[in-house]
Structure formats: structure tokens, C-alpha cells
Amino acid sequence: MDYYDYFAEAEHEPGEVSMDEFIAEAMRNDLKFKTLAEELHYQRTSRITLKNELLTCYEFLKQQDLLWRYEAYRNGEELPFD
């Protein structure tokens, strides 16, 4: 299962990469790097960007009073019906 199982592949805009495209690229496990330094730079950059995106998602869920639902879903708990 990968990113595109959930989201359609977006058309590429020259010079711009959407967050969805960035996430899809970060989830790939077939990337090859010329040097270890290049790979480490890619991983560090990806980690920072993905961390910030995840924190943004958590903040949105919290503001919408939906964080508890996400946590229950993640923990395999049965969700109450509305």
C-alpha cells in the first residue's frame, strides 16, 4: 500500500511541488543516491518537512475537536456513532 492508494497522482507543475507530491516522493523506497551524504541530506530534509506537516495535521484535528477520534481509530478502538 502506498500514497497513491489514497490520493490520485497530481499533475506536475514545473518548478513547484505540492505537499501531496512531496509526501508521495518521501514514501518511495526505490530511490537511489550517489553518495551517503546525498542520502542523509534527503532524509534529514524529508524528516523535517514531514514532521511539520504531521504537526499541522494534529493541530487541525485538535482545533476541530477531532483529535480524540483519530487517536481512537489509531488505537483500534470502536468509535461511537454520531
PDB file of N, CA and C in Angstrom:
ATOM      1  N   MET A   1       0.846  -1.169   0.000  1.00  0.00           N
ATOM      2  CA  MET A   1       0.000   0.000   0.000  1.00  0.00           C
ATOM      3  C   MET A   1       0.896   1.238   0.000  1.00  0.00           C
ATOM      4  N   ASP A   2       0.563   2.205  -0.828  1.00  0.00           N
ATOM      5  CA  ASP A   2       1.343   3.430  -0.845  1.00  0.00           C
ATOM      6  C   ASP A   2       0.425   4.641  -0.951  1.00  0.00           C
ATOM      7  N   TYR A   3       1.035   5.779  -1.042  1.00  0.00           N
ATOM      8  CA  TYR A   3       0.316   7.049  -1.044  1.00  0.00           C
ATOM      9  C   TYR A   3      -0.771   7.094  -2.107  1.00  0.00           C
ATOM     10  N   TYR A   4      -0.460   6.604  -3.307  1.00  0.00           N
ATOM     11  CA  TYR A   4      -1.412   6.703  -4.408  1.00  0.00           C
ATOM     12  C   TYR A   4      -2.597   5.751  -4.262  1.00  0.00           C
ATOM     13  N   ASP A   5      -2.580   4.887  -3.250  1.00  0.00           N
ATOM     14  CA  ASP A   5      -3.774   4.109  -2.939  1.00  0.00           C
ATOM     15  C   ASP A   5      -4.840   5.008  -2.316  1.00  0.00           C
ATOM     16  N   TYR A   6      -4.417   6.134  -1.772  1.00  0.00           N
ATOM     17  CA  TYR A   6      -5.332   7.062  -1.111  1.00  0.00           C
ATOM     18  C   TYR A   6      -5.620   8.316  -1.926  1.00  0.00           C
ATOM     19  N   PHE A   7      -4.633   8.767  -2.697  1.00  0.00           N
ATOM     20  CA  PHE A   7      -4.768  10.014  -3.438  1.00  0.00           C
ATOM     21  C   PHE A   7      -4.342   9.816  -4.886  1.00  0.00           C
ATOM     22  N   ALA A   8      -5.055  10.464  -5.785  1.00  0.00           N
ATOM     23  CA  ALA A   8      -4.694  10.399  -7.202  1.00  0.00           C
ATOM     24  C   ALA A   8      -3.409  11.182  -7.432  1.00  0.00           C
ATOM     25  N   GLU A   9      -2.625  10.742  -8.392  1.00  0.00           N
ATOM     26  CA  GLU A   9      -1.376  11.440  -8.705  1.00  0.00           C
ATOM     27  C   GLU A   9      -1.703  12.782  -9.341  1.00  0.00           C
ATOM     28  N   ALA A  10      -1.136  13.837  -8.792  1.00  0.00           N
ATOM     29  CA  ALA A  10      -1.399  15.187  -9.288  1.00  0.00           C
ATOM     30  C   ALA A  10      -0.547  15.480 -10.511  1.00  0.00           C
ATOM     31  N   GLU A  11      -1.062  16.374 -11.358  1.00  0.00           N
ATOM     32  CA  GLU A  11      -0.259  16.810 -12.495  1.00  0.00           C
ATOM     33  C   GLU A  11       0.888  17.652 -11.968  1.00  0.00           C
ATOM     34  N   HIS A  12       2.050  17.481 -12.555  1.00  0.00           N
ATOM     35  CA  HIS A  12       3.239  18.192 -12.093  1.00  0.00           C
ATOM     36  C   HIS A  12       3.303  19.595 -12.664  1.00  0.00           C
ATOM     37  N   GLU A  13       3.482  20.564 -11.788  1.00  0.00           N
ATOM     38  CA  GLU A  13       3.688  21.949 -12.199  1.00  0.00           C
ATOM     39  C   GLU A  13       5.188  22.212 -12.230  1.00  0.00           C
ATOM     40  N   PRO A  14       5.733  22.676 -13.341  1.00  0.00           N
ATOM     41  CA  PRO A  14       7.178  22.936 -13.413  1.00  0.00           C
ATOM     42  C   PRO A  14       7.625  23.911 -12.319  1.00  0.00           C
ATOM     43  N   GLY A  15       8.658  23.521 -11.580  1.00  0.00           N
ATOM     44  CA  GLY A  15       9.208  24.383 -10.543  1.00  0.00           C
ATOM     45  C   GLY A  15       8.476  24.350  -9.220  1.00  0.00           C
ATOM     46  N   GLU A  16       7.373  23.642  -9.138  1.00  0.00           N
ATOM     47  CA  GLU A  16       6.607  23.572  -7.898  1.00  0.00           C
ATOM     48  C   GLU A  16       6.297  22.124  -7.562  1.00  0.00           C
ATOM     49  N   VAL A  17       6.307  21.838  -6.276  1.00  0.00           N
ATOM     50  CA  VAL A  17       5.941  20.508  -5.798  1.00  0.00           C
ATOM     51  C   VAL A  17       4.937  20.701  -4.674  1.00  0.00           C
ATOM     52  N   SER A  18       3.762  20.111  -4.822  1.00  0.00           N
ATOM     53  CA  SER A  18       2.760  20.227  -3.767  1.00  0.00           C
ATOM     54  C   SER A  18       3.166  19.347  -2.585  1.00  0.00           C
ATOM     55  N   MET A  19       2.546  19.587  -1.447  1.00  0.00           N
ATOM     56  CA  MET A  19       2.835  18.761  -0.279  1.00  0.00           C
ATOM     57  C   MET A  19       2.451  17.313  -0.565  1.00  0.00           C
ATOM     58  N   ASP A  20       1.375  17.099  -1.294  1.00  0.00           N
ATOM     59  CA  ASP A  20       0.971  15.733  -1.638  1.00  0.00           C
ATOM     60  C   ASP A  20       2.048  15.035  -2.461  1.00  0.00           C
ATOM     61  N   GLU A  21       2.614  15.743  -3.432  1.00  0.00           N
ATOM     62  CA  GLU A  21       3.688  15.158  -4.239  1.00  0.00           C
ATOM     63  C   GLU A  21       4.927  14.886  -3.392  1.00  0.00           C
ATOM     64  N   PHE A  22       5.224  15.803  -2.477  1.00  0.00           N
ATOM     65  CA  PHE A  22       6.383  15.624  -1.604  1.00  0.00           C
ATOM     66  C   PHE A  22       6.209  14.381  -0.740  1.00  0.00           C
ATOM     67  N   ILE A  23       5.028  14.203  -0.170  1.00  0.00           N
ATOM     68  CA  ILE A  23       4.760  13.039   0.678  1.00  0.00           C
ATOM     69  C   ILE A  23       4.873  11.760  -0.141  1.00  0.00           C
ATOM     70  N   ALA A  24       4.309  11.772  -1.338  1.00  0.00           N
ATOM     71  CA  ALA A  24       4.389  10.588  -2.197  1.00  0.00           C
ATOM     72  C   ALA A  24       5.842  10.241  -2.495  1.00  0.00           C
ATOM     73  N   GLU A  25       6.649  11.242  -2.776  1.00  0.00           N
ATOM     74  CA  GLU A  25       8.066  11.014  -3.073  1.00  0.00           C
ATOM     75  C   GLU A  25       8.797  10.486  -1.839  1.00  0.00           C
ATOM     76  N   ALA A  26       8.482  11.031  -0.675  1.00  0.00           N
ATOM     77  CA  ALA A  26       9.143  10.604   0.565  1.00  0.00           C
ATOM     78  C   ALA A  26       8.796   9.163   0.933  1.00  0.00           C
ATOM     79  N   MET A  27       7.648   8.677   0.479  1.00  0.00           N
ATOM     80  CA  MET A  27       7.226   7.309   0.797  1.00  0.00           C
ATOM     81  C   MET A  27       7.855   6.268  -0.125  1.00  0.00           C
ATOM     82  N   ARG A  28       8.492   6.714  -1.180  1.00  0.00           N
ATOM     83  CA  ARG A  28       9.118   5.762  -2.108  1.00  0.00           C
ATOM     84  C   ARG A  28      10.266   5.038  -1.419  1.00  0.00           C
ATOM     85  N   ASN A  29      10.419   3.773  -1.730  1.00  0.00           N
ATOM     86  CA  ASN A  29      11.540   3.011  -1.168  1.00  0.00           C
ATOM     87  C   ASN A  29      12.492   2.525  -2.259  1.00  0.00           C
ATOM     88  N   ASP A  30      12.340   3.083  -3.443  1.00  0.00           N
ATOM     89  CA  ASP A  30      13.195   2.663  -4.553  1.00  0.00           C
ATOM     90  C   ASP A  30      14.181   3.751  -4.991  1.00  0.00           C
ATOM     91  N   LEU A  31      14.340   4.788  -4.188  1.00  0.00           N
ATOM     92  CA  LEU A  31      15.257   5.866  -4.549  1.00  0.00           C
ATOM     93  C   LEU A  31      16.701   5.419  -4.379  1.00  0.00           C
ATOM     94  N   LYS A  32      17.529   5.836  -5.298  1.00  0.00           N
ATOM     95  CA  LYS A  32      18.962   5.525  -5.255  1.00  0.00           C
ATOM     96  C   LYS A  32      19.733   6.839  -5.160  1.00  0.00           C
ATOM     97  N   PHE A  33      20.782   6.840  -4.356  1.00  0.00           N
ATOM     98  CA  PHE A  33      21.597   8.034  -4.168  1.00  0.00           C
ATOM     99  C   PHE A  33      23.033   7.740  -4.564  1.00  0.00           C
ATOM    100  N   LYS A  34      23.715   8.758  -5.066  1.00  0.00           N
ATOM    101  CA  LYS A  34      25.104   8.584  -5.499  1.00  0.00           C
ATOM    102  C   LYS A  34      26.054   8.476  -4.316  1.00  0.00           C
ATOM    103  N   THR A  35      25.750   9.213  -3.240  1.00  0.00           N
ATOM    104  CA  THR A  35      26.636   9.201  -2.072  1.00  0.00           C
ATOM    105  C   THR A  35      25.817   9.088  -0.799  1.00  0.00           C
ATOM    106  N   LEU A  36      26.463   8.680   0.267  1.00  0.00           N
ATOM    107  CA  LEU A  36      25.811   8.615   1.572  1.00  0.00           C
ATOM    108  C   LEU A  36      25.412  10.013   2.031  1.00  0.00           C
ATOM    109  N   ALA A  37      26.251  10.990   1.756  1.00  0.00           N
ATOM    110  CA  ALA A  37      25.943  12.369   2.138  1.00  0.00           C
ATOM    111  C   ALA A  37      24.668  12.857   1.456  1.00  0.00           C
ATOM    112  N   GLU A  38      24.495  12.510   0.189  1.00  0.00           N
ATOM    113  CA  GLU A  38      23.287  12.883  -0.552  1.00  0.00           C
ATOM    114  C   GLU A  38      22.054  12.234   0.078  1.00  0.00           C
ATOM    115  N   GLU A  39      22.166  10.970   0.440  1.00  0.00           N
ATOM    116  CA  GLU A  39      21.047  10.267   1.069  1.00  0.00           C
ATOM    117  C   GLU A  39      20.718  10.861   2.434  1.00  0.00           C
ATOM    118  N   LEU A  40      21.731  11.168   3.228  1.00  0.00           N
ATOM    119  CA  LEU A  40      21.496  11.757   4.547  1.00  0.00           C
ATOM    120  C   LEU A  40      20.838  13.123   4.436  1.00  0.00           C
ATOM    121  N   HIS A  41      21.274  13.919   3.472  1.00  0.00           N
ATOM    122  CA  HIS A  41      20.654  15.227   3.262  1.00  0.00           C
ATOM    123  C   HIS A  41      19.175  15.062   2.893  1.00  0.00           C
ATOM    124  N   TYR A  42      18.880  14.141   1.999  1.00  0.00           N
ATOM    125  CA  TYR A  42      17.497  13.879   1.589  1.00  0.00           C
ATOM    126  C   TYR A  42      16.654  13.441   2.789  1.00  0.00           C
ATOM    127  N   GLN A  43      17.187  12.529   3.591  1.00  0.00           N
ATOM    128  CA  GLN A  43      16.433  12.024   4.736  1.00  0.00           C
ATOM    129  C   GLN A  43      16.194  13.102   5.782  1.00  0.00           C
ATOM    130  N   ARG A  44      17.192  13.914   6.047  1.00  0.00           N
ATOM    131  CA  ARG A  44      17.025  14.993   7.032  1.00  0.00           C
ATOM    132  C   ARG A  44      16.001  16.010   6.559  1.00  0.00           C
ATOM    133  N   THR A  45      16.105  16.408   5.310  1.00  0.00           N
ATOM    134  CA  THR A  45      15.160  17.371   4.754  1.00  0.00           C
ATOM    135  C   THR A  45      13.742  16.808   4.766  1.00  0.00           C
ATOM    136  N   SER A  46      13.597  15.572   4.357  1.00  0.00           N
ATOM    137  CA  SER A  46      12.279  14.932   4.341  1.00  0.00           C
ATOM    138  C   SER A  46      11.709  14.825   5.743  1.00  0.00           C
ATOM    139  N   ARG A  47      12.534  14.415   6.683  1.00  0.00           N
ATOM    140  CA  ARG A  47      12.064  14.239   8.059  1.00  0.00           C
ATOM    141  C   ARG A  47      11.516  15.547   8.623  1.00  0.00           C
ATOM    142  N   ILE A  48      12.231  16.632   8.417  1.00  0.00           N
ATOM    143  CA  ILE A  48      11.793  17.930   8.939  1.00  0.00           C
ATOM    144  C   ILE A  48      10.469  18.348   8.307  1.00  0.00           C
ATOM    145  N   THR A  49      10.370  18.229   6.998  1.00  0.00           N
ATOM    146  CA  THR A  49       9.149  18.628   6.297  1.00  0.00           C
ATOM    147  C   THR A  49       7.970  17.754   6.698  1.00  0.00           C
ATOM    148  N   LEU A  50       8.180  16.444   6.777  1.00  0.00           N
ATOM    149  CA  LEU A  50       7.096  15.536   7.160  1.00  0.00           C
ATOM    150  C   LEU A  50       6.672  15.755   8.607  1.00  0.00           C
ATOM    151  N   LYS A  51       7.627  16.027   9.490  1.00  0.00           N
ATOM    152  CA  LYS A  51       7.294  16.315  10.892  1.00  0.00           C
ATOM    153  C   LYS A  51       6.404  17.552  10.971  1.00  0.00           C
ATOM    154  N   ASN A  52       6.771  18.605  10.259  1.00  0.00           N
ATOM    155  CA  ASN A  52       5.981  19.832  10.277  1.00  0.00           C
ATOM    156  C   ASN A  52       4.580  19.610   9.713  1.00  0.00           C
ATOM    157  N   GLU A  53       4.476  18.827   8.666  1.00  0.00           N
ATOM    158  CA  GLU A  53       3.161  18.531   8.083  1.00  0.00           C
ATOM    159  C   GLU A  53       2.310  17.723   9.056  1.00  0.00           C
ATOM    160  N   LEU A  54       2.905  16.746   9.714  1.00  0.00           N
ATOM    161  CA  LEU A  54       2.174  15.937  10.685  1.00  0.00           C
ATOM    162  C   LEU A  54       1.691  16.791  11.855  1.00  0.00           C
ATOM    163  N   LEU A  55       2.541  17.681  12.351  1.00  0.00           N
ATOM    164  CA  LEU A  55       2.134  18.563  13.443  1.00  0.00           C
ATOM    165  C   LEU A  55       1.010  19.499  13.013  1.00  0.00           C
ATOM    166  N   THR A  56       1.038  19.947  11.765  1.00  0.00           N
ATOM    167  CA  THR A  56      -0.042  20.774  11.236  1.00  0.00           C
ATOM    168  C   THR A  56      -1.352  19.993  11.217  1.00  0.00           C
ATOM    169  N   CYS A  57      -1.289  18.733  10.810  1.00  0.00           N
ATOM    170  CA  CYS A  57      -2.488  17.881  10.792  1.00  0.00           C
ATOM    171  C   CYS A  57      -3.032  17.672  12.202  1.00  0.00           C
ATOM    172  N   TYR A  58      -2.140  17.387  13.150  1.00  0.00           N
ATOM    173  CA  TYR A  58      -2.569  17.215  14.544  1.00  0.00           C
ATOM    174  C   TYR A  58      -3.231  18.485  15.064  1.00  0.00           C
ATOM    175  N   GLU A  59      -2.643  19.641  14.775  1.00  0.00           N
ATOM    176  CA  GLU A  59      -3.205  20.906  15.246  1.00  0.00           C
ATOM    177  C   GLU A  59      -4.591  21.141  14.646  1.00  0.00           C
ATOM    178  N   PHE A  60      -4.753  20.845  13.362  1.00  0.00           N
ATOM    179  CA  PHE A  60      -6.058  20.990  12.727  1.00  0.00           C
ATOM    180  C   PHE A  60      -7.090  20.082  13.391  1.00  0.00           C
ATOM    181  N   LEU A  61      -6.731  18.817  13.592  1.00  0.00           N
ATOM    182  CA  LEU A  61      -7.657  17.881  14.238  1.00  0.00           C
ATOM    183  C   LEU A  61      -8.019  18.348  15.643  1.00  0.00           C
ATOM    184  N   LYS A  62      -7.048  18.865  16.362  1.00  0.00           N
ATOM    185  CA  LYS A  62      -7.295  19.358  17.720  1.00  0.00           C
ATOM    186  C   LYS A  62      -8.253  20.549  17.693  1.00  0.00           C
ATOM    187  N   GLN A  63      -8.026  21.492  16.791  1.00  0.00           N
ATOM    188  CA  GLN A  63      -8.887  22.671  16.689  1.00  0.00           C
ATOM    189  C   GLN A  63     -10.312  22.304  16.298  1.00  0.00           C
ATOM    190  N   GLN A  64     -10.468  21.244  15.524  1.00  0.00           N
ATOM    191  CA  GLN A  64     -11.792  20.805  15.084  1.00  0.00           C
ATOM    192  C   GLN A  64     -12.423  19.811  16.055  1.00  0.00           C
ATOM    193  N   ASP A  65     -11.768  19.579  17.182  1.00  0.00           N
ATOM    194  CA  ASP A  65     -12.198  18.604  18.189  1.00  0.00           C
ATOM    195  C   ASP A  65     -12.348  17.204  17.578  1.00  0.00           C
ATOM    196  N   LEU A  66     -11.392  16.846  16.719  1.00  0.00           N
ATOM    197  CA  LEU A  66     -11.398  15.532  16.076  1.00  0.00           C
ATOM    198  C   LEU A  66     -10.184  14.689  16.449  1.00  0.00           C
ATOM    199  N   LEU A  67      -9.271  15.252  17.218  1.00  0.00           N
ATOM    200  CA  LEU A  67      -8.054  14.531  17.558  1.00  0.00           C
ATOM    201  C   LEU A  67      -8.366  13.261  18.336  1.00  0.00           C
ATOM    202  N   TRP A  68      -9.345  13.331  19.227  1.00  0.00           N
ATOM    203  CA  TRP A  68      -9.704  12.145  20.011  1.00  0.00           C
ATOM    204  C   TRP A  68     -10.213  11.027  19.111  1.00  0.00           C
ATOM    205  N   ARG A  69     -10.917  11.382  18.023  1.00  0.00           N
ATOM    206  CA  ARG A  69     -11.407  10.354  17.092  1.00  0.00           C
ATOM    207  C   ARG A  69     -10.245   9.686  16.361  1.00  0.00           C
ATOM    208  N   TYR A  70      -9.296  10.497  15.932  1.00  0.00           N
ATOM    209  CA  TYR A  70      -8.120   9.951  15.262  1.00  0.00           C
ATOM    210  C   TYR A  70      -7.365   9.019  16.199  1.00  0.00           C
ATOM    211  N   GLU A  71      -7.164   9.454  17.445  1.00  0.00           N
ATOM    212  CA  GLU A  71      -6.433   8.623  18.404  1.00  0.00           C
ATOM    213  C   GLU A  71      -7.165   7.307  18.656  1.00  0.00           C
ATOM    214  N   ALA A  72      -8.482   7.355  18.773  1.00  0.00           N
ATOM    215  CA  ALA A  72      -9.263   6.134  18.978  1.00  0.00           C
ATOM    216  C   ALA A  72      -9.129   5.212  17.769  1.00  0.00           C
ATOM    217  N   TYR A  73      -9.232   5.763  16.570  1.00  0.00           N
ATOM    218  CA  TYR A  73      -9.082   4.979  15.343  1.00  0.00           C
ATOM    219  C   TYR A  73      -7.703   4.341  15.282  1.00  0.00           C
ATOM    220  N   ARG A  74      -6.667   5.135  15.562  1.00  0.00           N
ATOM    221  CA  ARG A  74      -5.289   4.645  15.526  1.00  0.00           C
ATOM    222  C   ARG A  74      -5.079   3.520  16.529  1.00  0.00           C
ATOM    223  N   ASN A  75      -5.740   3.614  17.680  1.00  0.00           N
ATOM    224  CA  ASN A  75      -5.583   2.610  18.731  1.00  0.00           C
ATOM    225  C   ASN A  75      -6.516   1.415  18.559  1.00  0.00           C
ATOM    226  N   GLY A  76      -7.287   1.403  17.476  1.00  0.00           N
ATOM    227  CA  GLY A  76      -8.168   0.277  17.197  1.00  0.00           C
ATOM    228  C   GLY A  76      -9.419   0.238  18.054  1.00  0.00           C
ATOM    229  N   GLU A  77      -9.753   1.362  18.653  1.00  0.00           N
ATOM    230  CA  GLU A  77     -10.945   1.427  19.494  1.00  0.00           C
ATOM    231  C   GLU A  77     -12.186   1.605  18.624  1.00  0.00           C
ATOM    232  N   GLU A  78     -13.293   1.152  19.139  1.00  0.00           N
ATOM    233  CA  GLU A  78     -14.552   1.320  18.417  1.00  0.00           C
ATOM    234  C   GLU A  78     -15.012   2.758  18.576  1.00  0.00           C
ATOM    235  N   LEU A  79     -15.348   3.383  17.466  1.00  0.00           N
ATOM    236  CA  LEU A  79     -15.787   4.771  17.508  1.00  0.00           C
ATOM    237  C   LEU A  79     -17.289   4.844  17.710  1.00  0.00           C
ATOM    238  N   PRO A  80     -17.738   5.781  18.548  1.00  0.00           N
ATOM    239  CA  PRO A  80     -19.186   5.934  18.741  1.00  0.00           C
ATOM    240  C   PRO A  80     -19.820   6.539  17.494  1.00  0.00           C
ATOM    241  N   PHE A  81     -21.058   6.205  17.261  1.00  0.00           N
ATOM    242  CA  PHE A  81     -21.787   6.789  16.135  1.00  0.00           C
ATOM    243  C   PHE A  81     -22.313   8.148  16.539  1.00  0.00           C
ATOM    244  N   ASP A  82     -22.392   9.043  15.567  1.00  0.00           N
ATOM    245  CA  ASP A  82     -22.926  10.392  15.842  1.00  0.00           C
ATOM    246  C   ASP A  82     -24.425  10.356  15.876  1.00  0.00           C
TER     247      ASP A  82
END
